[in-house]
């Protein structure tokens, strides 16, 4: 499935992608099996954040060294590593198990509208179709 992030809100896009990765849109959905689709997200740099999140939302990680807490504002993250911003949002909505890690491996995120998966002919995911199947 192909999702275009151009102008979409981060949380709504992440929820749609997580639903596709888990396979909840299929009639064969089972909680303990990976029945989801591969998901390709393009135009990651054009993602939107609502309200004041672009200035106030913080992304943090620790390097493992003393005093190694690194913090980025959402604005910096969108300018430097927008694919990481989307990946974190989607991973947070998936199960925190081996099955969830297998689902994350089926996620591909690209900053521009170019992707190397054209020969697989990915279907475009529409928000209306995927909302409540």
N, C-alpha and C. Protein backbone atom coordinates (compact mmCIF):
# COMPACT_ATOMS: atom_id res chain seq x y z
N UNK A 1 0.83 -1.17 0.00
CA UNK A 1 0.00 0.00 0.00
C UNK A 1 0.88 1.24 0.00
N UNK A 2 0.47 2.24 -0.71
CA UNK A 2 1.20 3.48 -0.83
C UNK A 2 0.42 4.59 -0.16
N UNK A 3 1.07 5.32 0.75
CA UNK A 3 0.44 6.43 1.45
C UNK A 3 1.23 7.69 1.16
N UNK A 4 0.55 8.72 0.68
CA UNK A 4 1.18 10.01 0.43
C UNK A 4 0.97 10.90 1.65
N UNK A 5 2.08 11.32 2.29
CA UNK A 5 2.00 12.10 3.52
C UNK A 5 1.84 13.59 3.27
N UNK A 6 1.74 14.01 2.04
CA UNK A 6 1.65 15.42 1.69
C UNK A 6 0.40 16.06 2.30
N UNK A 7 0.60 16.93 3.30
CA UNK A 7 -0.51 17.66 3.91
C UNK A 7 -1.30 16.87 4.94
N UNK A 8 -0.92 15.63 5.24
CA UNK A 8 -1.66 14.84 6.21
C UNK A 8 -1.13 15.09 7.62
N UNK A 9 -2.01 14.93 8.60
CA UNK A 9 -1.63 15.10 10.00
C UNK A 9 -0.89 13.83 10.45
N UNK A 10 0.17 14.03 11.22
CA UNK A 10 1.06 12.93 11.61
C UNK A 10 0.32 11.78 12.30
N UNK A 11 -0.50 12.07 13.29
CA UNK A 11 -1.17 11.02 14.05
C UNK A 11 -2.17 10.23 13.23
N UNK A 12 -2.90 10.91 12.38
CA UNK A 12 -3.88 10.22 11.54
C UNK A 12 -3.20 9.33 10.51
N UNK A 13 -2.10 9.82 9.95
CA UNK A 13 -1.35 9.02 9.00
C UNK A 13 -0.76 7.79 9.69
N UNK A 14 -0.23 7.98 10.90
CA UNK A 14 0.36 6.87 11.64
C UNK A 14 -0.69 5.83 12.00
N UNK A 15 -1.87 6.26 12.36
CA UNK A 15 -2.94 5.31 12.70
C UNK A 15 -3.35 4.50 11.48
N UNK A 16 -3.43 5.15 10.32
CA UNK A 16 -3.80 4.45 9.10
C UNK A 16 -2.71 3.45 8.70
N UNK A 17 -1.45 3.87 8.80
CA UNK A 17 -0.35 2.97 8.44
C UNK A 17 -0.27 1.78 9.40
N UNK A 18 -0.47 2.03 10.70
CA UNK A 18 -0.43 0.94 11.68
C UNK A 18 -1.55 -0.06 11.42
N UNK A 19 -2.71 0.43 11.06
CA UNK A 19 -3.84 -0.44 10.74
C UNK A 19 -3.53 -1.33 9.54
N UNK A 20 -2.89 -0.76 8.51
CA UNK A 20 -2.53 -1.54 7.33
C UNK A 20 -1.43 -2.55 7.65
N UNK A 21 -0.45 -2.15 8.46
CA UNK A 21 0.65 -3.06 8.83
C UNK A 21 0.15 -4.24 9.65
N UNK A 22 -0.83 -4.00 10.53
CA UNK A 22 -1.36 -5.08 11.36
C UNK A 22 -2.32 -5.97 10.60
N UNK A 23 -2.93 -5.45 9.54
CA UNK A 23 -3.88 -6.23 8.76
C UNK A 23 -5.30 -6.14 9.26
N UNK A 24 -5.61 -5.11 10.05
CA UNK A 24 -6.95 -4.98 10.62
C UNK A 24 -8.01 -4.67 9.57
N UNK A 25 -7.59 -4.27 8.39
CA UNK A 25 -8.54 -3.96 7.33
C UNK A 25 -8.97 -5.21 6.56
N UNK A 26 -8.40 -6.35 6.89
CA UNK A 26 -8.71 -7.60 6.19
C UNK A 26 -9.67 -8.46 7.02
N UNK A 27 -10.43 -9.28 6.34
CA UNK A 27 -11.34 -10.18 7.04
C UNK A 27 -10.59 -11.33 7.70
N UNK A 28 -9.36 -11.59 7.27
CA UNK A 28 -8.57 -12.68 7.83
C UNK A 28 -7.71 -12.21 9.01
N UNK A 29 -7.98 -11.05 9.58
CA UNK A 29 -7.18 -10.51 10.68
C UNK A 29 -7.23 -11.43 11.89
N UNK A 30 -6.05 -11.74 12.42
CA UNK A 30 -5.91 -12.52 13.64
C UNK A 30 -4.85 -11.83 14.48
N UNK A 31 -5.08 -11.72 15.79
CA UNK A 31 -4.18 -10.96 16.64
C UNK A 31 -2.79 -11.55 16.73
N UNK A 32 -2.66 -12.87 16.64
CA UNK A 32 -1.36 -13.50 16.84
C UNK A 32 -0.64 -13.85 15.55
N UNK A 33 -1.17 -13.39 14.39
CA UNK A 33 -0.52 -13.63 13.10
C UNK A 33 -0.26 -12.30 12.40
N UNK A 34 0.80 -12.27 11.62
CA UNK A 34 1.14 -11.07 10.85
C UNK A 34 0.45 -11.18 9.49
N UNK A 35 -0.73 -10.62 9.36
CA UNK A 35 -1.49 -10.70 8.12
C UNK A 35 -1.52 -9.36 7.38
N UNK A 36 -0.71 -8.41 7.83
CA UNK A 36 -0.74 -7.07 7.27
C UNK A 36 -0.01 -6.94 5.94
N UNK A 37 -0.13 -5.76 5.35
CA UNK A 37 0.48 -5.45 4.07
C UNK A 37 1.77 -4.68 4.27
N UNK A 38 2.56 -4.62 3.23
CA UNK A 38 3.73 -3.74 3.21
C UNK A 38 3.21 -2.33 2.98
N UNK A 39 3.80 -1.36 3.66
CA UNK A 39 3.35 0.03 3.56
C UNK A 39 4.52 0.90 3.14
N UNK A 40 4.28 1.74 2.12
CA UNK A 40 5.27 2.69 1.64
C UNK A 40 4.71 4.08 1.89
N UNK A 41 5.46 4.91 2.63
CA UNK A 41 5.04 6.29 2.90
C UNK A 41 5.97 7.21 2.12
N UNK A 42 5.39 8.09 1.27
CA UNK A 42 6.19 9.03 0.51
C UNK A 42 5.88 10.46 0.95
N UNK A 43 6.73 11.40 0.58
CA UNK A 43 6.60 12.82 0.94
C UNK A 43 6.60 13.03 2.44
N UNK A 44 7.50 12.39 3.14
CA UNK A 44 7.56 12.50 4.61
C UNK A 44 7.87 13.92 5.06
N UNK A 45 8.58 14.69 4.26
CA UNK A 45 8.93 16.05 4.67
C UNK A 45 7.75 17.01 4.64
N UNK A 46 6.63 16.60 4.06
CA UNK A 46 5.45 17.47 3.95
C UNK A 46 4.37 17.12 4.97
N UNK A 47 4.73 16.41 6.02
CA UNK A 47 3.78 16.02 7.07
C UNK A 47 3.38 17.25 7.88
N UNK A 48 2.15 17.25 8.40
CA UNK A 48 1.65 18.37 9.19
C UNK A 48 1.53 17.97 10.65
N UNK A 49 1.70 18.95 11.53
CA UNK A 49 1.41 18.79 12.95
C UNK A 49 0.40 19.86 13.32
N UNK A 50 -0.58 19.51 14.14
CA UNK A 50 -1.63 20.46 14.50
C UNK A 50 -1.27 21.23 15.76
N UNK A 51 -1.94 22.34 15.95
CA UNK A 51 -1.74 23.14 17.15
C UNK A 51 -0.33 23.69 17.23
N UNK A 52 0.22 23.69 18.43
CA UNK A 52 1.57 24.22 18.65
C UNK A 52 2.61 23.11 18.77
N UNK A 53 2.27 21.92 18.28
CA UNK A 53 3.19 20.79 18.41
C UNK A 53 4.50 21.02 17.66
N UNK A 54 4.46 21.74 16.57
CA UNK A 54 5.67 21.97 15.79
C UNK A 54 6.73 22.69 16.61
N UNK A 55 6.32 23.51 17.58
CA UNK A 55 7.26 24.25 18.43
C UNK A 55 7.48 23.57 19.78
N UNK A 56 6.46 22.89 20.31
CA UNK A 56 6.53 22.39 21.68
C UNK A 56 6.84 20.90 21.81
N UNK A 57 6.53 20.10 20.80
CA UNK A 57 6.76 18.65 20.90
C UNK A 57 8.25 18.36 20.87
N UNK A 58 8.69 17.50 21.80
CA UNK A 58 10.11 17.16 21.91
C UNK A 58 10.32 15.68 21.62
N UNK A 59 11.37 15.38 20.89
CA UNK A 59 11.80 14.01 20.66
C UNK A 59 13.10 13.82 21.44
N UNK A 60 13.15 12.75 22.24
CA UNK A 60 14.31 12.52 23.11
C UNK A 60 14.87 11.11 22.90
N UNK A 61 16.18 11.00 23.01
CA UNK A 61 16.81 9.69 23.09
C UNK A 61 18.11 9.84 23.88
N UNK A 62 18.57 8.74 24.41
CA UNK A 62 19.77 8.76 25.24
C UNK A 62 20.87 7.98 24.54
N UNK A 63 22.08 8.54 24.53
CA UNK A 63 23.20 7.91 23.84
C UNK A 63 23.78 6.74 24.61
N UNK A 64 23.53 6.69 25.91
CA UNK A 64 24.09 5.63 26.74
C UNK A 64 25.27 6.11 27.56
N UNK A 65 25.75 7.29 27.26
CA UNK A 65 26.86 7.87 28.03
C UNK A 65 26.31 8.81 29.09
N UNK A 66 27.06 9.07 30.15
CA UNK A 66 26.59 10.00 31.19
C UNK A 66 26.29 11.37 30.60
N UNK A 67 25.12 11.89 30.92
CA UNK A 67 24.70 13.19 30.39
C UNK A 67 24.37 13.15 28.92
N UNK A 68 24.04 11.98 28.40
CA UNK A 68 23.84 11.80 26.96
C UNK A 68 22.41 11.93 26.49
N UNK A 69 21.57 12.69 27.20
CA UNK A 69 20.20 12.89 26.75
C UNK A 69 20.21 13.91 25.61
N UNK A 70 19.68 13.51 24.46
CA UNK A 70 19.63 14.39 23.30
C UNK A 70 18.17 14.73 23.03
N UNK A 71 17.88 16.00 22.84
CA UNK A 71 16.51 16.46 22.61
C UNK A 71 16.44 17.24 21.30
N UNK A 72 15.36 16.99 20.54
CA UNK A 72 15.09 17.72 19.32
C UNK A 72 13.66 18.23 19.38
N UNK A 73 13.43 19.44 18.90
CA UNK A 73 12.07 19.92 18.73
C UNK A 73 11.53 19.30 17.45
N UNK A 74 10.20 19.25 17.35
CA UNK A 74 9.57 18.64 16.18
C UNK A 74 9.96 19.39 14.90
N UNK A 75 10.15 20.68 15.00
CA UNK A 75 10.53 21.48 13.83
C UNK A 75 11.90 21.04 13.31
N UNK A 76 12.87 20.84 14.21
CA UNK A 76 14.20 20.37 13.82
C UNK A 76 14.12 18.96 13.22
N UNK A 77 13.33 18.11 13.85
CA UNK A 77 13.20 16.73 13.40
C UNK A 77 12.59 16.67 12.01
N UNK A 78 11.58 17.52 11.74
CA UNK A 78 10.95 17.51 10.43
C UNK A 78 11.91 18.03 9.36
N UNK A 79 12.76 18.96 9.71
CA UNK A 79 13.71 19.49 8.73
C UNK A 79 14.88 18.55 8.47
N UNK A 80 15.34 17.82 9.49
CA UNK A 80 16.52 16.97 9.33
C UNK A 80 16.17 15.51 9.05
N UNK A 81 15.26 14.92 9.83
CA UNK A 81 14.94 13.50 9.71
C UNK A 81 13.43 13.26 9.78
N UNK A 82 12.66 13.68 8.78
CA UNK A 82 11.21 13.51 8.85
C UNK A 82 10.77 12.05 8.82
N UNK A 83 11.55 11.19 8.19
CA UNK A 83 11.17 9.78 8.14
C UNK A 83 11.23 9.15 9.53
N UNK A 84 12.16 9.63 10.37
CA UNK A 84 12.27 9.12 11.74
C UNK A 84 11.06 9.55 12.58
N UNK A 85 10.56 10.74 12.32
CA UNK A 85 9.40 11.25 13.04
C UNK A 85 8.17 10.38 12.76
N UNK A 86 7.98 10.03 11.50
CA UNK A 86 6.85 9.17 11.11
C UNK A 86 7.05 7.76 11.64
N UNK A 87 8.27 7.24 11.55
CA UNK A 87 8.55 5.88 12.03
C UNK A 87 8.23 5.75 13.51
N UNK A 88 8.64 6.73 14.32
CA UNK A 88 8.37 6.68 15.76
C UNK A 88 6.88 6.69 16.05
N UNK A 89 6.13 7.50 15.31
CA UNK A 89 4.68 7.57 15.53
C UNK A 89 4.01 6.24 15.20
N UNK A 90 4.43 5.62 14.11
CA UNK A 90 3.82 4.35 13.70
C UNK A 90 4.23 3.22 14.65
N UNK A 91 5.50 3.17 15.03
CA UNK A 91 5.97 2.12 15.94
C UNK A 91 5.25 2.18 17.28
N UNK A 92 4.91 3.38 17.72
CA UNK A 92 4.20 3.53 18.99
C UNK A 92 2.80 2.95 18.96
N UNK A 93 2.24 2.76 17.76
CA UNK A 93 0.88 2.23 17.62
C UNK A 93 0.86 0.74 17.33
N UNK A 94 2.02 0.12 17.19
CA UNK A 94 2.10 -1.31 16.92
C UNK A 94 2.41 -2.07 18.20
N UNK A 95 2.16 -3.38 18.23
CA UNK A 95 2.46 -4.17 19.42
C UNK A 95 3.95 -4.14 19.74
N UNK A 96 4.28 -4.17 21.03
CA UNK A 96 5.68 -4.14 21.47
C UNK A 96 6.17 -5.57 21.68
N UNK A 97 6.07 -6.39 20.65
CA UNK A 97 6.47 -7.80 20.71
C UNK A 97 7.29 -8.14 19.47
N UNK A 98 7.66 -9.41 19.35
CA UNK A 98 8.36 -9.88 18.14
C UNK A 98 7.49 -9.65 16.91
N UNK A 99 6.20 -9.82 17.08
CA UNK A 99 5.27 -9.64 15.98
C UNK A 99 5.26 -8.17 15.52
N UNK A 100 5.32 -7.26 16.48
CA UNK A 100 5.36 -5.84 16.16
C UNK A 100 6.63 -5.47 15.41
N UNK A 101 7.75 -6.08 15.81
CA UNK A 101 9.01 -5.81 15.11
C UNK A 101 8.97 -6.33 13.68
N UNK A 102 8.29 -7.45 13.47
CA UNK A 102 8.14 -7.98 12.12
C UNK A 102 7.28 -7.06 11.28
N UNK A 103 6.28 -6.43 11.90
CA UNK A 103 5.43 -5.49 11.18
C UNK A 103 6.20 -4.23 10.79
N UNK A 104 7.08 -3.77 11.66
CA UNK A 104 7.86 -2.56 11.38
C UNK A 104 8.79 -2.79 10.20
N UNK A 105 9.27 -4.02 10.02
CA UNK A 105 10.16 -4.31 8.90
C UNK A 105 9.45 -4.17 7.56
N UNK A 106 8.12 -4.20 7.56
CA UNK A 106 7.36 -4.05 6.32
C UNK A 106 7.02 -2.59 6.02
N UNK A 107 7.59 -1.67 6.78
CA UNK A 107 7.34 -0.24 6.62
C UNK A 107 8.53 0.42 5.93
N UNK A 108 8.26 1.14 4.84
CA UNK A 108 9.29 1.88 4.12
C UNK A 108 8.84 3.34 4.06
N UNK A 109 9.74 4.27 4.44
CA UNK A 109 9.41 5.69 4.46
C UNK A 109 10.44 6.43 3.63
N UNK A 110 9.94 7.33 2.75
CA UNK A 110 10.80 8.11 1.87
C UNK A 110 10.47 9.59 2.00
N UNK A 111 11.52 10.43 1.97
CA UNK A 111 11.37 11.86 2.17
C UNK A 111 10.67 12.50 0.97
N UNK A 112 11.02 12.09 -0.24
CA UNK A 112 10.44 12.65 -1.46
C UNK A 112 9.35 11.74 -2.00
N UNK A 113 8.88 12.08 -3.21
CA UNK A 113 7.84 11.26 -3.82
C UNK A 113 8.42 10.13 -4.67
N UNK A 114 9.74 9.98 -4.68
CA UNK A 114 10.37 8.90 -5.43
C UNK A 114 10.63 7.71 -4.50
N UNK A 115 10.32 6.52 -4.99
CA UNK A 115 10.60 5.30 -4.22
C UNK A 115 10.96 4.18 -5.19
N UNK A 116 11.79 3.22 -4.76
CA UNK A 116 12.24 2.16 -5.65
C UNK A 116 11.29 0.97 -5.77
N UNK A 117 10.04 1.13 -5.34
CA UNK A 117 9.11 0.00 -5.33
C UNK A 117 8.06 0.09 -6.43
N UNK A 118 8.33 0.86 -7.48
CA UNK A 118 7.35 1.05 -8.55
C UNK A 118 7.06 -0.24 -9.29
N UNK A 119 8.06 -1.11 -9.42
CA UNK A 119 7.85 -2.36 -10.15
C UNK A 119 6.91 -3.32 -9.41
N UNK A 120 6.73 -3.12 -8.10
CA UNK A 120 5.78 -3.94 -7.35
C UNK A 120 4.35 -3.43 -7.49
N UNK A 121 4.16 -2.28 -8.12
CA UNK A 121 2.85 -1.66 -8.36
C UNK A 121 2.02 -1.56 -7.09
N UNK A 122 2.48 -0.77 -6.11
CA UNK A 122 1.74 -0.65 -4.85
C UNK A 122 0.40 0.06 -5.06
N UNK A 123 -0.62 -0.43 -4.39
CA UNK A 123 -1.94 0.19 -4.47
C UNK A 123 -1.96 1.41 -3.57
N UNK A 124 -2.64 2.45 -4.01
CA UNK A 124 -2.74 3.68 -3.23
C UNK A 124 -3.81 3.50 -2.17
N UNK A 125 -3.44 3.74 -0.91
CA UNK A 125 -4.38 3.60 0.20
C UNK A 125 -5.20 4.88 0.32
N UNK A 126 -6.49 4.76 0.23
CA UNK A 126 -7.34 5.93 0.40
C UNK A 126 -7.85 5.98 1.83
N UNK A 127 -7.92 7.16 2.39
CA UNK A 127 -8.32 7.32 3.79
C UNK A 127 -9.78 6.88 4.00
N UNK A 128 -10.63 7.13 3.03
CA UNK A 128 -12.04 6.77 3.19
C UNK A 128 -12.23 5.25 3.20
N UNK A 129 -11.50 4.55 2.34
CA UNK A 129 -11.64 3.09 2.25
C UNK A 129 -11.09 2.42 3.50
N UNK A 130 -9.99 2.91 4.04
CA UNK A 130 -9.32 2.25 5.14
C UNK A 130 -9.86 2.65 6.50
N UNK A 131 -10.74 3.66 6.59
CA UNK A 131 -11.16 4.17 7.89
C UNK A 131 -11.92 3.14 8.71
N UNK A 132 -12.95 2.55 8.15
CA UNK A 132 -13.73 1.54 8.89
C UNK A 132 -14.17 0.44 7.97
N UNK A 133 -13.34 -0.57 7.85
CA UNK A 133 -13.66 -1.69 6.95
C UNK A 133 -14.33 -2.80 7.72
